[in-house]
Amino acid sequence: MDVISTCNLTKFYGNTRGIEGLSLSVSAGAVYGFLGPNGSGKTTTIRCLLGMLKPTSGDATVLGRRVTLHDSDVRRRIGYVPGEVRLYERETGHWHLDYVAGFRGGRGALTDQLLERLAFDPTRKVKELSKGNKQKLALILGMAHDPELLILDEPTSGLDPLNQEEVHRVLEERIAAGRTVFLSSHMLSEVERVCGRVGIVRSGRLVAEENVRDLLGRRLRHVAVTFAEPTSPSFLADLPGVDGVVAHNEFSLAARTRGDVVDRVVKRMAERSIVDLTIQPAGLEEVFLEFYREEVLTADVGDGTGGVAVAGGGGVGGSPPAREERT
């Protein structure tokens, strides 16, 4: 059974395209990563799936029911954590939990566990909270009722590494319990850990779908090395999976690697004395732009577009109503 299914889903804001012709499916128990640069249509897609926006055309079904603007029964079975958290500044965490519980028919089964695991103090008012603590509250509100479907938009944004790790553990437990996850994220490490399959969207169109293992096989890294002796770019340029080798000076080289070739590159560099070395993963946006450049160019030539809108956020459960944004 498909928990999420869209067919030619399209949303325009006047003459501006949010998404167009988007067709995808997510089966029960799957963890689907939804990736793309800012303004690509990720948030618009999520809002259409949640019934927060009415599509211009096309269809979407969630949990076996066609999405409408007023289906509260389905919404009780979904947990949503938005990319931009909006809460009532003068109210406490306890107030938010009680407020949302009123819509759901009771306090969520995971509430106390999540409060403890995320070390969140619900007695404090939202205006007193840091960005990270506001994100914790959004996560607790979204997951406390142990929903069948979790729709997460940058769920660990603003969290420190320890809390990111705890959120990932919670997600892994819910996935093991058979829950379905639709995750929008810019973090390749998060996608790698949680997701099984990803869809890549650009300018409102789904340009590719891949298994995460295949996506990671395309991983890009930037290497910068300084040797103790003069070294020519040719020292690294002949290695498979290495390109763009340039010399910053007679001792320092920079290069880009593709795929699982770091061990080979490090072994080559170790043939000489190294003064300094940095290896940094490329951003997820760069990964997919590099490896889908041909598809992107073809799409832009075909439809005469290529413009990118500004990304926006969304609300949580009992959040103040958000203005419709073009994302």
Protein backbone atom coordinates (compact mmCIF):
# COMPACT_ATOMS: atom_id res chain seq x y z
CA MET A 1 0.00 0.00 0.00
CA ASP A 2 1.21 3.50 -0.84
CA VAL A 3 1.02 5.85 2.13
CA ILE A 4 1.73 8.83 -0.14
CA SER A 5 0.88 9.02 -3.84
CA THR A 6 0.80 12.00 -6.18
CA CYS A 7 -0.12 12.14 -9.85
CA ASN A 8 0.81 15.20 -11.91
CA LEU A 9 0.50 17.35 -8.80
CA THR A 10 0.73 21.02 -9.81
CA LYS A 11 0.54 24.25 -7.85
CA PHE A 12 0.85 27.74 -9.34
CA TYR A 13 0.79 31.00 -7.42
CA GLY A 14 -0.64 33.23 -10.12
CA ASN A 15 1.86 32.87 -12.96
CA THR A 16 4.61 31.57 -10.68
CA ARG A 17 5.18 27.85 -10.59
CA GLY A 18 5.46 26.13 -7.22
CA ILE A 19 5.43 22.53 -8.46
CA GLU A 20 4.38 21.04 -11.78
CA GLY A 21 3.55 17.51 -12.89
CA LEU A 22 4.93 15.94 -9.71
CA SER A 23 4.31 12.19 -9.54
CA LEU A 24 5.77 10.04 -6.77
CA SER A 25 4.80 7.28 -4.36
CA VAL A 26 5.95 6.24 -0.90
CA SER A 27 5.04 2.76 0.32
CA ALA A 28 4.08 1.87 3.88
CA GLY A 29 7.09 1.62 6.19
CA ALA A 30 9.40 3.38 3.73
CA VAL A 31 11.67 6.32 4.52
CA TYR A 32 11.68 8.70 1.57
CA GLY A 33 14.07 11.63 1.30
CA PHE A 34 12.80 14.66 -0.61
CA LEU A 35 15.77 16.73 -1.73
CA GLY A 36 16.45 19.90 -3.63
CA PRO A 37 17.80 23.44 -3.34
CA ASN A 38 15.92 26.26 -1.68
CA GLY A 39 12.94 27.31 -3.78
CA SER A 40 12.72 24.00 -5.62
CA GLY A 41 9.16 23.23 -4.49
CA LYS A 42 9.74 21.01 -1.46
CA THR A 43 7.65 23.05 0.98
CA THR A 44 4.87 23.58 -1.56
CA THR A 45 4.72 19.80 -2.07
CA ILE A 46 4.53 19.16 1.66
CA ARG A 47 1.76 21.72 2.13
CA CYS A 48 -0.24 20.14 -0.68
CA LEU A 49 0.19 16.70 0.95
CA LEU A 50 -1.04 18.10 4.26
CA GLY A 51 -4.06 19.81 2.72
CA MET A 52 -2.71 23.23 3.66
CA LEU A 53 -2.69 24.28 0.00
CA LYS A 54 -5.17 23.42 -2.73
CA PRO A 55 -3.31 22.26 -5.85
CA THR A 56 -3.97 23.91 -9.19
CA SER A 57 -4.32 20.48 -10.77
CA GLY A 58 -3.36 16.86 -10.24
CA ASP A 59 -4.11 14.54 -7.35
CA ALA A 60 -2.56 13.51 -4.05
CA THR A 61 -3.58 10.70 -1.70
CA VAL A 62 -2.26 10.26 1.83
CA LEU A 63 -2.99 7.21 3.99
CA GLY A 64 -5.39 5.95 1.34
CA ARG A 65 -7.53 9.09 1.15
CA ARG A 66 -7.58 11.88 -1.38
CA VAL A 67 -6.13 15.01 0.18
CA THR A 68 -8.61 17.79 0.89
CA LEU A 69 -8.40 21.03 2.84
CA HIS A 70 -10.70 19.80 5.63
CA ASP A 71 -9.85 16.16 6.39
CA SER A 72 -9.07 16.34 10.12
CA ASP A 73 -9.29 12.57 10.53
CA VAL A 74 -6.28 12.00 8.28
CA ARG A 75 -4.34 14.83 9.88
CA ARG A 76 -4.61 13.13 13.28
CA ARG A 77 -2.69 10.20 11.77
CA ILE A 78 0.13 12.46 10.52
CA GLY A 79 2.98 14.11 12.40
CA TYR A 80 4.37 17.26 10.81
CA VAL A 81 7.51 19.19 11.72
CA PRO A 82 7.91 22.31 9.55
CA GLY A 83 11.10 23.86 8.29
CA GLU A 84 10.24 27.17 9.91
CA VAL A 85 8.83 26.82 13.41
CA ARG A 86 6.04 29.21 14.38
CA LEU A 87 4.74 29.05 17.93
CA TYR A 88 2.83 31.24 20.38
CA GLU A 89 5.57 33.34 21.96
CA ARG A 90 3.73 34.09 25.22
CA GLU A 91 2.71 30.50 25.94
CA THR A 92 4.65 27.65 27.54
CA GLY A 93 5.60 24.28 26.14
CA HIS A 94 2.95 22.70 28.38
CA TRP A 95 0.32 24.98 26.89
CA HIS A 96 1.29 23.97 23.34
CA LEU A 97 1.21 20.27 24.23
CA ASP A 98 -2.26 20.60 25.79
CA TYR A 99 -3.51 22.74 22.91
CA VAL A 100 -2.48 20.22 20.26
CA ALA A 101 -3.72 17.30 22.40
CA GLY A 102 -7.16 18.91 22.28
CA PHE A 103 -7.24 18.51 18.50
CA ARG A 104 -5.97 14.95 18.65
CA GLY A 105 -8.34 13.73 21.32
CA GLY A 106 -5.74 13.19 24.04
CA ARG A 107 -2.16 13.48 25.19
CA GLY A 108 0.32 11.74 22.91
CA ALA A 109 1.68 8.38 24.05
CA LEU A 110 5.28 9.45 23.45
CA THR A 111 5.03 12.89 25.10
CA ASP A 112 6.83 12.16 28.37
CA GLN A 113 9.47 10.01 26.68
CA LEU A 114 10.29 12.74 24.15
CA LEU A 115 10.39 15.45 26.82
CA GLU A 116 12.97 13.41 28.70
CA ARG A 117 15.04 12.27 25.75
CA LEU A 118 15.29 15.75 24.24
CA ALA A 119 15.85 17.32 27.67
CA PHE A 120 13.12 19.89 27.06
CA ASP A 121 11.66 22.02 29.86
CA PRO A 122 7.95 22.54 29.02
CA THR A 123 7.42 25.10 31.79
CA ARG A 124 9.26 27.86 29.94
CA LYS A 125 7.55 30.30 27.60
CA VAL A 126 8.40 30.17 23.92
CA LYS A 127 9.81 33.71 23.97
CA GLU A 128 12.45 32.48 26.44
CA LEU A 129 13.58 29.58 24.25
CA SER A 130 16.60 29.36 21.98
CA LYS A 131 16.16 28.30 18.37
CA GLY A 132 17.25 24.78 19.27
CA ASN A 133 14.70 24.50 22.07
CA LYS A 134 11.94 25.79 19.81
CA GLN A 135 12.91 23.06 17.37
CA LYS A 136 12.72 20.49 20.17
CA LEU A 137 9.19 21.63 20.99
CA ALA A 138 8.20 21.38 17.32
CA LEU A 139 9.58 17.82 17.18
CA ILE A 140 7.73 16.80 20.33
CA LEU A 141 4.48 18.29 19.02
CA GLY A 142 4.93 16.47 15.72
CA MET A 143 5.87 13.06 17.11
CA ALA A 144 4.17 12.81 20.53
CA HIS A 145 1.09 10.96 19.22
CA ASP A 146 3.23 8.33 17.45
CA PRO A 147 1.65 8.97 14.03
CA GLU A 148 1.51 6.50 11.18
CA LEU A 149 3.16 9.02 8.87
CA LEU A 150 5.84 11.55 9.76
CA ILE A 151 6.37 14.47 7.38
CA LEU A 152 9.56 16.24 8.42
CA ASP A 153 10.97 19.42 6.89
CA GLU A 154 14.58 19.97 8.09
CA PRO A 155 13.77 18.30 11.45
CA THR A 156 17.18 18.75 13.09
CA SER A 157 17.75 22.37 12.04
CA GLY A 158 19.15 24.38 14.95
CA LEU A 159 19.92 21.35 17.12
CA ASP A 160 23.35 20.63 18.53
CA PRO A 161 25.06 17.35 17.50
CA LEU A 162 23.96 15.48 20.65
CA ASN A 163 20.31 16.33 20.12
CA GLN A 164 20.56 15.61 16.40
CA GLU A 165 21.83 12.15 17.33
CA GLU A 166 18.93 11.61 19.75
CA VAL A 167 16.38 12.67 17.11
CA HIS A 168 17.91 10.22 14.65
CA ARG A 169 17.63 7.45 17.25
CA VAL A 170 13.97 8.29 17.86
CA LEU A 171 13.30 8.21 14.12
CA GLU A 172 15.06 4.87 13.74
CA GLU A 173 12.88 3.43 16.50
CA ARG A 174 9.68 4.69 14.89
CA ILE A 175 10.81 3.33 11.51
CA ALA A 176 11.52 -0.06 13.12
CA ALA A 177 7.97 0.08 14.51
CA GLY A 178 6.62 0.34 10.96
CA ARG A 179 6.04 4.07 10.66
CA THR A 180 6.46 5.83 7.31
CA VAL A 181 8.71 8.90 7.00
CA PHE A 182 8.78 11.62 4.34
CA LEU A 183 11.91 13.66 5.04
CA SER A 184 12.96 16.92 3.43
CA SER A 185 16.55 17.79 4.33
CA HIS A 186 19.70 19.48 3.08
CA MET A 187 21.92 17.27 5.26
CA LEU A 188 23.47 14.40 3.30
CA SER A 189 24.53 12.71 6.55
CA GLU A 190 20.92 12.77 7.77
CA VAL A 191 19.61 11.39 4.49
CA GLU A 192 22.31 8.72 4.48
CA ARG A 193 21.43 7.56 7.98
CA VAL A 194 17.64 7.62 7.78
CA CYS A 195 16.41 7.29 4.19
CA GLY A 196 16.20 4.32 1.86
CA ARG A 197 15.18 6.19 -1.29
CA VAL A 198 15.29 9.80 -2.39
CA GLY A 199 13.53 12.01 -4.90
CA ILE A 200 15.32 15.09 -6.19
CA VAL A 201 13.24 18.12 -7.15
CA ARG A 202 14.34 21.25 -8.97
CA SER A 203 12.28 24.23 -10.13
CA GLY A 204 9.10 22.40 -9.17
CA ARG A 205 9.84 19.22 -11.10
CA LEU A 206 11.00 15.80 -9.97
CA VAL A 207 14.24 15.35 -11.90
CA ALA A 208 15.42 12.03 -10.45
CA GLU A 209 14.74 9.25 -7.95
CA GLU A 210 17.46 7.02 -6.54
CA ASN A 211 18.29 4.60 -3.78
CA VAL A 212 20.42 6.30 -1.15
CA ARG A 213 23.26 3.86 -1.73
CA ASP A 214 23.44 4.92 -5.38
CA LEU A 215 23.29 8.59 -4.43
CA LEU A 216 26.14 8.19 -1.96
CA GLY A 217 28.18 6.47 -4.65
CA ARG A 218 28.10 9.82 -6.41
CA ARG A 219 29.34 11.70 -3.32
CA LEU A 220 31.62 14.65 -3.99
CA ARG A 221 34.42 15.82 -1.70
CA HIS A 222 36.81 18.76 -1.82
CA VAL A 223 40.43 18.02 -0.94
CA ALA A 224 43.08 20.59 -0.06
CA VAL A 225 46.61 19.47 0.77
CA THR A 226 49.93 21.19 1.45
CA PHE A 227 53.11 19.16 0.99
CA ALA A 228 56.54 19.75 2.47
CA GLU A 229 58.06 19.76 -1.03
CA PRO A 230 57.03 21.24 -4.38
CA THR A 231 54.34 19.06 -5.99
CA SER A 232 52.77 19.21 -9.44
CA PRO A 233 48.99 18.73 -10.03
CA SER A 234 49.87 15.65 -12.06
CA PHE A 235 50.70 13.90 -8.78
CA LEU A 236 46.96 13.48 -8.14
CA ALA A 237 45.40 14.12 -11.53
CA ASP A 238 45.89 10.56 -12.84
CA LEU A 239 43.87 8.94 -10.05
CA PRO A 240 40.42 7.61 -11.04
CA GLY A 241 37.64 9.61 -9.41
CA VAL A 242 39.78 12.73 -9.02
CA ASP A 243 39.32 15.85 -11.14
CA GLY A 244 39.73 19.61 -11.03
CA VAL A 245 43.24 19.39 -9.61
CA VAL A 246 44.77 22.87 -9.30
CA ALA A 247 47.93 24.24 -7.69
CA HIS A 248 47.48 27.17 -5.31
CA ASN A 249 51.25 27.43 -5.10
CA GLU A 250 54.14 25.04 -5.61
CA PHE A 251 53.38 23.23 -2.34
CA SER A 252 49.56 23.26 -2.21
CA LEU A 253 47.00 21.40 -4.33
CA ALA A 254 43.22 21.36 -4.38
CA ALA A 255 41.05 18.71 -6.04
CA ARG A 256 37.60 17.20 -6.14
CA THR A 257 36.85 13.50 -5.66
CA ARG A 258 33.82 11.44 -6.71
CA GLY A 259 32.60 8.28 -5.04
CA ASP A 260 34.50 6.05 -2.63
CA VAL A 261 38.03 7.02 -3.62
CA VAL A 262 39.25 8.84 -0.49
CA ASP A 263 41.34 5.91 0.72
CA ARG A 264 43.11 5.74 -2.63
CA VAL A 265 43.75 9.49 -2.66
CA VAL A 266 45.08 9.56 0.90
CA LYS A 267 47.43 6.68 0.17
CA ARG A 268 48.82 8.54 -2.86
CA MET A 269 49.31 11.74 -0.83
CA ALA A 270 51.03 9.77 1.93
CA GLU A 271 53.87 9.00 -0.49
CA ARG A 272 55.08 12.51 0.36
CA SER A 273 55.40 14.44 3.58
CA ILE A 274 52.16 16.34 4.33
CA VAL A 275 52.07 19.66 6.17
CA ASP A 276 48.28 20.18 6.12
CA LEU A 277 45.25 18.30 4.80
CA THR A 278 41.50 18.98 4.73
CA ILE A 279 38.77 16.85 3.16
CA GLN A 280 35.28 18.34 3.12
CA PRO A 281 32.07 16.79 1.76
CA ALA A 282 30.29 18.81 -0.88
CA GLY A 283 26.82 20.07 -0.06
CA LEU A 284 23.86 17.97 -1.12
CA GLU A 285 22.80 20.63 -3.62
CA GLU A 286 26.20 20.46 -5.32
CA VAL A 287 26.01 16.66 -5.43
CA PHE A 288 22.77 16.53 -7.32
CA LEU A 289 23.51 19.55 -9.53
CA GLU A 290 26.75 17.93 -10.63
CA PHE A 291 25.27 14.55 -11.44
CA TYR A 292 21.98 15.71 -12.92
CA ARG A 293 23.31 18.66 -14.87
CA GLU A 294 22.27 17.12 -18.17
CA GLU A 295 18.72 16.49 -16.94
CA VAL A 296 18.49 20.00 -15.51
CA LEU A 297 19.66 21.64 -18.72
CA THR A 298 17.29 19.55 -20.79
CA ALA A 299 14.35 20.48 -18.58
CA ASP A 300 15.18 24.18 -18.66
CA VAL A 301 15.60 24.26 -22.42
CA GLY A 302 12.36 22.37 -22.85
CA ASP A 303 10.19 24.64 -20.70
CA GLY A 304 12.08 27.92 -21.03
CA THR A 305 12.48 28.25 -17.27
CA GLY A 306 15.22 27.92 -14.73
CA GLY A 307 14.22 30.56 -12.24
CA VAL A 308 14.14 29.65 -8.57
CA ALA A 309 11.72 31.07 -6.01
CA VAL A 310 12.48 31.82 -2.38
CA ALA A 311 11.93 28.99 0.10
CA GLY A 312 9.58 29.37 3.01
CA GLY A 313 8.41 27.49 6.05
CA GLY A 314 5.24 26.35 7.72
CA GLY A 315 3.34 25.98 10.96
CA VAL A 316 3.09 23.33 13.65
CA GLY A 317 -0.17 21.84 14.95
CA GLY A 318 -1.48 24.76 16.96
CA SER A 319 0.80 27.37 15.39
CA PRO A 320 -0.44 30.79 14.27
CA PRO A 321 -1.79 30.57 10.71
CA ALA A 322 0.94 31.10 8.13
CA ARG A 323 0.68 33.23 5.03
CA GLU A 324 0.68 31.26 1.78
CA GLU A 325 4.24 31.43 0.45
CA ARG A 326 5.67 30.67 -2.95
CA THR A 327 8.10 27.88 -2.30
